[in-house]
Protein backbone atom coordinates (compact mmCIF):
# COMPACT_ATOMS: atom_id res chain seq x y z
CA UNK A 1 -52.46 92.92 69.38
CA UNK A 2 -51.46 89.55 68.04
CA UNK A 3 -49.89 86.78 70.12
CA UNK A 4 -46.68 87.25 68.15
CA UNK A 5 -46.48 90.93 69.11
CA UNK A 6 -47.22 90.03 72.75
CA UNK A 7 -44.43 87.47 72.75
CA UNK A 8 -42.00 90.01 71.29
CA UNK A 9 -42.86 92.54 74.02
CA UNK A 10 -42.43 89.90 76.70
CA UNK A 11 -39.04 88.96 75.26
CA UNK A 12 -38.03 92.63 75.41
CA UNK A 13 -39.27 92.77 79.01
CA UNK A 14 -37.29 89.67 79.96
CA UNK A 15 -34.19 91.13 78.36
CA UNK A 16 -34.66 94.42 80.22
CA UNK A 17 -35.14 92.52 83.51
CA UNK A 18 -31.78 90.82 83.02
CA UNK A 19 -30.14 94.11 82.12
CA UNK A 20 -31.59 95.72 85.25
CA UNK A 21 -30.36 92.79 87.32
CA UNK A 22 -26.85 93.13 85.93
CA UNK A 23 -26.86 96.89 86.50
CA UNK A 24 -28.14 96.53 90.07
CA UNK A 25 -25.47 93.93 90.87
CA UNK A 26 -22.79 96.10 89.26
CA UNK A 27 -24.00 99.00 91.38
CA UNK A 28 -23.79 96.74 94.44
CA UNK A 29 -20.17 95.88 93.72
CA UNK A 30 -19.28 99.58 93.43
CA UNK A 31 -21.15 100.26 96.69
CA UNK A 32 -19.07 97.54 98.39
CA UNK A 33 -15.84 99.18 97.24
CA UNK A 34 -17.05 102.55 98.54
CA UNK A 35 -17.88 100.88 101.85
CA UNK A 36 -14.36 99.47 102.12
CA UNK A 37 -12.87 102.93 101.60
CA UNK A 38 -15.23 104.48 104.17
CA UNK A 39 -14.37 101.73 106.63
CA UNK A 40 -10.64 102.40 106.34
CA UNK A 41 -11.28 106.12 106.82
CA UNK A 42 -13.71 105.51 109.73
CA UNK A 43 -16.46 107.38 107.86
CA UNK A 44 -20.18 106.88 108.42
CA UNK A 45 -21.61 104.63 105.75
CA UNK A 46 -24.91 106.49 105.53
CA UNK A 47 -24.63 109.89 103.84
CA UNK A 48 -28.09 111.56 103.66
CA UNK A 49 -26.79 114.56 101.70
CA UNK A 50 -25.31 112.33 99.00
CA UNK A 51 -28.54 110.29 98.88
CA UNK A 52 -30.66 113.40 98.37
CA UNK A 53 -28.35 114.62 95.60
CA UNK A 54 -28.71 111.31 93.75
CA UNK A 55 -32.50 111.31 94.13
CA UNK A 56 -32.75 114.89 92.83
CA UNK A 57 -30.68 113.99 89.77
CA UNK A 58 -32.88 110.98 89.03
CA UNK A 59 -36.11 112.95 89.44
CA UNK A 60 -34.83 115.81 87.22
CA UNK A 61 -34.01 113.31 84.45
CA UNK A 62 -37.22 111.31 84.74
CA UNK A 63 -39.26 111.63 81.55
CA UNK A 64 -42.00 109.18 82.56
CA UNK A 65 -44.13 107.20 82.59
CA UNK A 66 -43.44 106.73 86.31
CA UNK A 67 -44.42 109.51 88.69
CA UNK A 68 -41.73 111.33 90.68
CA UNK A 69 -42.90 109.67 93.92
CA UNK A 70 -42.64 106.23 92.33
CA UNK A 71 -39.07 106.82 91.12
CA UNK A 72 -38.10 108.15 94.53
CA UNK A 73 -39.61 105.10 96.27
CA UNK A 74 -37.89 102.60 93.95
CA UNK A 75 -34.45 104.15 94.32
CA UNK A 76 -34.81 104.64 98.07
CA UNK A 77 -35.26 100.87 98.31
CA UNK A 78 -32.14 100.36 96.17
CA UNK A 79 -30.18 102.79 98.37
CA UNK A 80 -31.41 101.01 101.51
CA UNK A 81 -30.35 97.62 100.17
CA UNK A 82 -26.97 99.06 99.20
CA UNK A 83 -26.40 100.41 102.72
CA UNK A 84 -27.30 97.01 104.18
CA UNK A 85 -24.80 95.44 101.77
CA UNK A 86 -22.05 97.71 103.10
CA UNK A 87 -22.95 96.94 106.70
CA UNK A 88 -23.01 93.18 106.05
CA UNK A 89 -19.54 93.39 104.50
CA UNK A 90 -18.35 95.44 107.47
CA UNK A 91 -19.61 92.82 109.94
CA UNK A 92 -18.05 89.97 107.97
CA UNK A 93 -14.72 91.75 107.90
CA UNK A 94 -14.41 92.35 111.65
CA UNK A 95 -11.05 91.13 112.92
CA UNK A 96 -12.61 90.08 116.25
CA UNK A 97 -15.25 87.98 114.46
CA UNK A 98 -15.20 84.21 114.68
CA UNK A 99 -15.84 84.21 110.93
CA UNK A 100 -12.45 85.85 110.54
CA UNK A 101 -10.71 83.53 113.05
CA UNK A 102 -12.62 80.34 113.93
CA UNK A 103 -10.24 79.17 116.66
CA UNK A 104 -10.28 80.66 120.17
CA UNK A 105 -7.76 83.32 121.11
CA UNK A 106 -5.70 82.26 124.14
CA UNK A 107 -3.75 84.88 126.11
CA UNK A 108 -0.79 83.85 128.26
CA UNK A 109 -0.02 85.90 131.38
CA UNK A 110 3.05 84.80 133.33
CA UNK A 111 2.43 81.18 132.39
CA UNK A 112 -1.34 81.27 133.00
CA UNK A 113 -3.56 80.91 129.94
CA UNK A 114 -6.80 82.87 129.65
CA UNK A 115 -9.28 81.27 127.24
CA UNK A 116 -7.68 77.82 127.19
CA UNK A 117 -10.72 75.98 128.56
CA UNK A 118 -9.85 76.26 132.24
CA UNK A 119 -11.52 79.16 134.05
CA UNK A 120 -9.35 82.11 135.03
CA UNK A 121 -9.90 84.16 138.17
CA UNK A 122 -8.93 87.77 138.82
CA UNK A 123 -8.99 89.00 142.42
CA UNK A 124 -7.81 92.16 144.11
CA UNK A 125 -8.90 95.42 145.74
CA UNK A 126 -11.06 97.97 144.01
CA UNK A 127 -8.40 100.65 144.53
CA UNK A 128 -4.71 100.57 145.42
CA UNK A 129 -4.47 102.31 148.78
CA UNK A 130 -1.07 101.21 150.14
CA UNK A 131 1.67 98.65 149.70
CA UNK A 132 0.53 96.75 152.82
CA UNK A 133 -3.06 96.55 151.60
CA UNK A 134 -2.14 95.21 148.17
CA UNK A 135 0.51 92.82 149.51
CA UNK A 136 -1.96 91.32 151.99
CA UNK A 137 -4.42 90.50 149.20
CA UNK A 138 -1.62 89.31 146.90
CA UNK A 139 -0.45 86.79 149.51
CA UNK A 140 -4.00 85.41 149.85
CA UNK A 141 -4.27 85.11 146.06
CA UNK A 142 -0.88 83.39 145.81
CA UNK A 143 -1.63 80.99 148.68
CA UNK A 144 -4.75 79.77 146.88
CA UNK A 145 -2.85 79.07 143.70
CA UNK A 146 -4.24 81.90 141.60
CA UNK A 147 -2.14 83.95 139.21
CA UNK A 148 -4.08 87.09 138.28
CA UNK A 149 -4.53 90.19 140.43
CA UNK A 150 -6.37 93.45 139.84
CA UNK A 151 -6.11 96.85 141.50
CA UNK A 152 -7.19 100.36 140.54
CA UNK A 153 -4.48 103.01 140.37
CA UNK A 154 -6.70 105.41 138.41
CA UNK A 155 -10.33 105.51 139.55
CA UNK A 156 -12.92 107.25 137.33
CA UNK A 157 -15.61 108.08 139.88
CA UNK A 158 -19.12 109.45 139.52
CA UNK A 159 -18.35 112.28 141.94
CA UNK A 160 -15.27 114.46 141.42
CA UNK A 161 -14.85 114.56 145.22
CA UNK A 162 -14.44 110.78 145.63
CA UNK A 163 -11.05 109.07 145.83
CA UNK A 164 -9.50 109.11 142.34
CA UNK A 165 -6.64 106.69 142.95
CA UNK A 166 -2.90 107.02 143.54
CA UNK A 167 -2.00 107.25 139.85
CA UNK A 168 1.51 106.22 138.86
CA UNK A 169 2.44 105.60 142.50
CA UNK A 170 -0.35 103.01 142.59
CA UNK A 171 1.04 101.34 139.48
CA UNK A 172 4.47 101.14 141.11
CA UNK A 173 2.94 99.42 144.15
CA UNK A 174 1.18 96.92 141.90
CA UNK A 175 4.41 96.21 140.04
CA UNK A 176 6.38 95.69 143.25
CA UNK A 177 3.78 93.34 144.75
CA UNK A 178 3.27 91.42 141.50
CA UNK A 179 7.01 90.79 141.22
CA UNK A 180 7.26 89.67 144.85
CA UNK A 181 4.39 87.19 144.55
CA UNK A 182 4.88 86.25 140.88
CA UNK A 183 1.43 87.47 139.84
CA UNK A 184 0.18 89.04 136.63
CA UNK A 185 -1.48 92.36 137.38
CA UNK A 186 -4.40 94.15 135.70
CA UNK A 187 -5.15 97.84 136.18
CA UNK A 188 -7.34 100.44 134.50
CA UNK A 189 -5.91 103.30 132.46
CA UNK A 190 -8.13 106.28 131.66
CA UNK A 191 -5.88 108.60 129.65
CA UNK A 192 -4.41 107.65 126.24
CA UNK A 193 -1.25 109.56 127.16
CA UNK A 194 -0.66 107.19 130.13
CA UNK A 195 -0.84 103.90 128.20
CA UNK A 196 2.87 103.61 127.35
CA UNK A 197 3.91 104.63 130.85
CA UNK A 198 1.51 102.12 132.43
CA UNK A 199 2.79 99.31 130.22
CA UNK A 200 6.06 99.41 132.19
CA UNK A 201 4.29 98.45 135.40
CA UNK A 202 1.34 96.21 134.58
CA UNK A 203 0.68 93.06 132.56
CA UNK A 204 -2.82 93.90 131.29
CA UNK A 205 -4.29 97.31 130.42
CA UNK A 206 -7.89 97.52 131.60
CA UNK A 207 -10.29 99.83 129.79
CA UNK A 208 -13.26 100.39 132.06
CA UNK A 209 -16.96 100.64 131.35
CA UNK A 210 -17.00 104.44 131.29
CA UNK A 211 -14.23 104.45 128.68
CA UNK A 212 -15.46 101.65 126.42
CA UNK A 213 -16.12 104.17 123.65
CA UNK A 214 -13.16 106.43 124.39
CA UNK A 215 -11.86 105.77 120.89
CA UNK A 216 -8.53 107.51 121.35
CA UNK A 217 -7.86 105.35 124.41
CA UNK A 218 -8.89 102.21 122.49
CA UNK A 219 -6.52 103.08 119.66
CA UNK A 220 -3.68 103.86 122.08
CA UNK A 221 -4.14 100.50 123.80
CA UNK A 222 -4.25 98.80 120.40
CA UNK A 223 -0.93 100.33 119.40
CA UNK A 224 1.13 98.69 122.17
CA UNK A 225 2.21 95.09 122.71
CA UNK A 226 0.27 94.53 125.92
CA UNK A 227 -2.95 92.52 126.53
CA UNK A 228 -6.13 94.55 127.07
CA UNK A 229 -9.13 93.74 129.25
CA UNK A 230 -12.10 95.63 127.82
CA UNK A 231 -15.22 96.09 129.94
CA UNK A 232 -18.66 96.55 128.46
CA UNK A 233 -20.11 100.05 128.80
CA UNK A 234 -22.94 100.83 131.21
CA UNK A 235 -25.49 101.17 128.40
CA UNK A 236 -23.62 99.58 125.50
CA UNK A 237 -25.20 97.08 123.16
CA UNK A 238 -23.29 93.90 122.39
CA UNK A 239 -22.65 95.22 118.87
CA UNK A 240 -21.12 98.41 120.29
CA UNK A 241 -19.02 96.31 122.68
CA UNK A 242 -17.70 94.16 119.84
CA UNK A 243 -16.89 97.21 117.74
CA UNK A 244 -14.99 98.75 120.66
CA UNK A 245 -12.82 95.63 120.69
CA UNK A 246 -12.41 96.02 116.93
CA UNK A 247 -10.92 99.49 117.50
CA UNK A 248 -8.18 97.87 119.58
CA UNK A 249 -7.53 94.99 117.20
CA UNK A 250 -7.55 97.25 114.13
CA UNK A 251 -4.41 98.88 115.55
CA UNK A 252 -2.59 95.54 115.61
CA UNK A 253 -3.20 94.28 119.16
CA UNK A 254 -5.14 91.01 119.12
CA UNK A 255 -4.67 90.13 122.80
CA UNK A 256 -8.06 91.27 124.08
CA UNK A 257 -10.19 89.91 126.93
CA UNK A 258 -13.85 90.93 126.91
CA UNK A 259 -15.49 91.50 130.30
CA UNK A 260 -19.24 91.60 130.93
CA UNK A 261 -19.76 93.76 134.04
CA UNK A 262 -23.48 94.40 134.01
CA UNK A 263 -25.54 97.04 132.25
CA UNK A 264 -27.71 99.85 133.59
CA UNK A 265 -31.45 99.08 133.69
CA UNK A 266 -34.43 100.18 135.76
CA UNK A 267 -33.70 97.47 138.36
CA UNK A 268 -32.39 98.78 141.70
CA UNK A 269 -31.91 95.51 143.61
CA UNK A 270 -28.36 95.29 142.27
CA UNK A 271 -25.83 97.94 141.29
CA UNK A 272 -26.19 96.91 137.64
CA UNK A 273 -28.02 94.13 135.83
CA UNK A 274 -25.77 91.21 134.90
CA UNK A 275 -26.47 90.36 131.26
CA UNK A 276 -25.50 86.71 131.58
CA UNK A 277 -26.73 85.92 128.05
CA UNK A 278 -24.00 88.20 126.69
CA UNK A 279 -21.42 85.53 127.48
CA UNK A 280 -22.54 82.86 124.95
CA UNK A 281 -23.33 85.55 122.38
CA UNK A 282 -19.83 87.00 122.64
CA UNK A 283 -18.32 83.51 122.55
CA UNK A 284 -20.29 82.76 119.40
CA UNK A 285 -19.68 86.06 117.62
CA UNK A 286 -16.02 86.57 118.55
CA UNK A 287 -12.90 84.45 119.11
CA UNK A 288 -11.91 86.42 122.21
CA UNK A 289 -11.96 85.13 125.81
CA UNK A 290 -14.89 86.42 127.87
CA UNK A 291 -14.84 87.11 131.59
CA UNK A 292 -17.58 88.24 134.00
CA UNK A 293 -17.07 90.86 136.71
CA UNK A 294 -19.44 89.67 139.44
CA UNK A 295 -18.53 92.53 141.79
CA UNK A 296 -19.50 95.52 139.65
CA UNK A 297 -22.47 93.77 138.06
CA UNK A 298 -24.15 93.06 141.41
CA UNK A 299 -22.54 95.48 143.87
CA UNK A 300 -23.42 92.95 146.61
CA UNK A 301 -21.12 90.55 148.43
CA UNK A 302 -23.98 88.12 149.07
CA UNK A 303 -24.47 87.58 145.33
CA UNK A 304 -20.86 86.98 144.30
CA UNK A 305 -20.87 83.19 144.71
CA UNK A 306 -24.13 82.43 142.80
CA UNK A 307 -23.31 84.84 139.98
CA UNK A 308 -19.80 83.39 139.68
CA UNK A 309 -21.31 79.92 139.36
CA UNK A 310 -23.76 81.19 136.77
CA UNK A 311 -20.95 82.79 134.76
CA UNK A 312 -18.93 79.57 134.71
CA UNK A 313 -21.99 77.44 133.95
CA UNK A 314 -22.89 79.50 130.90
CA UNK A 315 -19.38 79.31 129.46
CA UNK A 316 -17.38 82.30 130.71
CA UNK A 317 -13.60 81.95 130.47
CA UNK A 318 -13.19 83.51 133.89
CA UNK A 319 -14.53 85.59 136.75
CA UNK A 320 -13.35 88.85 138.30
CA UNK A 321 -14.16 89.76 141.92
CA UNK A 322 -12.85 92.30 144.42
CA UNK A 323 -11.07 91.45 147.68
CA UNK A 324 -9.94 93.88 150.40
CA UNK A 325 -8.27 93.18 153.77
CA UNK A 326 -10.83 95.39 155.54
CA UNK A 327 -13.68 96.54 153.26
CA UNK A 328 -15.23 98.69 155.99
CA UNK A 329 -12.40 101.21 155.66
CA UNK A 330 -11.92 100.89 151.88
CA UNK A 331 -11.58 104.19 150.05
CA UNK A 332 -13.98 103.04 147.32
CA UNK A 333 -16.85 100.57 146.88
CA UNK A 334 -16.68 99.18 150.42
CA UNK A 335 -20.08 97.45 150.21
CA UNK A 336 -19.16 95.14 147.36
CA UNK A 337 -15.67 93.91 148.26
CA UNK A 338 -15.02 90.59 150.03
CA UNK A 339 -12.81 90.43 153.09
CA UNK A 340 -10.26 87.60 153.38
CA UNK A 341 -12.65 85.26 155.21
CA UNK A 342 -15.33 85.77 152.57
CA UNK A 343 -12.67 85.22 149.94
CA UNK A 344 -11.96 81.80 151.50
CA UNK A 345 -15.68 80.97 151.39
CA UNK A 346 -15.91 82.12 147.76
CA UNK A 347 -13.11 79.78 146.69
CA UNK A 348 -14.47 76.84 148.72
CA UNK A 349 -17.88 77.24 147.09
CA UNK A 350 -16.83 77.95 143.53
CA UNK A 351 -13.94 75.50 143.21
CA UNK A 352 -16.06 72.32 143.77
CA UNK A 353 -18.73 73.72 141.45
CA UNK A 354 -16.23 74.31 138.67
CA UNK A 355 -14.90 70.76 139.06
CA UNK A 356 -18.40 69.30 138.94
CA UNK A 357 -19.06 71.28 135.78
CA UNK A 358 -16.00 69.78 134.12
CA UNK A 359 -13.91 72.89 134.79
CA UNK A 360 -10.91 73.27 137.08
CA UNK A 361 -9.62 76.30 138.95
C-alpha cells in the first residue's frame, strides 16, 4: 500500500470520527430531552427493558467486523454516559440548588427571620400534653426574647402503644398559646389530608424524619402557602434529603427549612449520630436555611449545650431543642428534654458563645 493510499484511508477515518462525534452529541441532546420529560412525569431515568431492546436491535443488525460482545460493550458505555448526562441535567435543574438560586432564602415568621445571618432558636415540649404545660414553656421562651416554639400534636412513635399526641386538640392549644405570647409555632403533620386543616393553627408545617420520603405528604405541604421544616430521615443520604425538599418546592412552596437531626449508625452512646458535616454541605448545595435538632440527634440533656455550640460554629442557621416544665412526667422522650432550670443554663452558655463567634441570639 502506497503512502497516498494510506493518507486517503486516514482522511476517511478522520471524517468518520467527526461524523461519529456529531452523531453521539446529537444522541446526547435527544437523551437530555427524554430526561426532561421523564423528570416532569417523575419517571425513573434508567429503563433496563428499553436498554435491552436497543442492544438486541443493534446486535441483530451488526454485519461485522466487530463481534457481538464488542458492539454490546461499546453501546453499553454510550448508554451509561447518556444516563449520567440525564442525571447531571437533573441535578443542575433542582429548584433547591444554589446553582438555581445563588442568594440565601430567608423565611420570616412573625417578624423573626430564619436564614438572615443571625441564629434562630426553636424551643418547646416534645409533645403537647395540656394548655398549662405549653403555656409554661411559652412564657419561658417569651421571657428570654425568643420567637419560635415547637410542640408535637401528632406523634409518630415506634410502638403503637406509646402516646400518639392530642391531634387537632393539640394544634388548638398551640394556636391559643402562640397568640397569647406572640410566638410562631412549629408542629409536625403526618397525614397529607391534615395539612390544610393544620395550616389554620400553626405557622410552620414540620415533616418529621420518619416521613421525609412520604412523597404524598411532601407534595401536600408544597401545595399550600405555609413554611415547611423538613427533617432528615433516619437513614437518608444528603442527596435523598435534598430531593425530598425538591418535592416540596416543585409544588410551588419555596419556604423550606432543612433540619439535620442525626442519622442512625452502629453507635449506641447517643440516640442518633449527629452528622455535623451535613450542615456546610447543605449550605453549599442549597439556598435553604439549615437548622440542627440537638435533642433528637443526641437524646441526652448533657450533650445539648456542646452540640448546639458545634452547630452554630459550623454555620447552622439555628438550633432546635426540647423544653418541658417537668420532664420526669413527660408523656414522651422524658430523658432528652430540658427542664426550665436547664433551659436557663442552656441559654446562658450558648448566648455568649454565639456572640463570641460573631453571631447574636
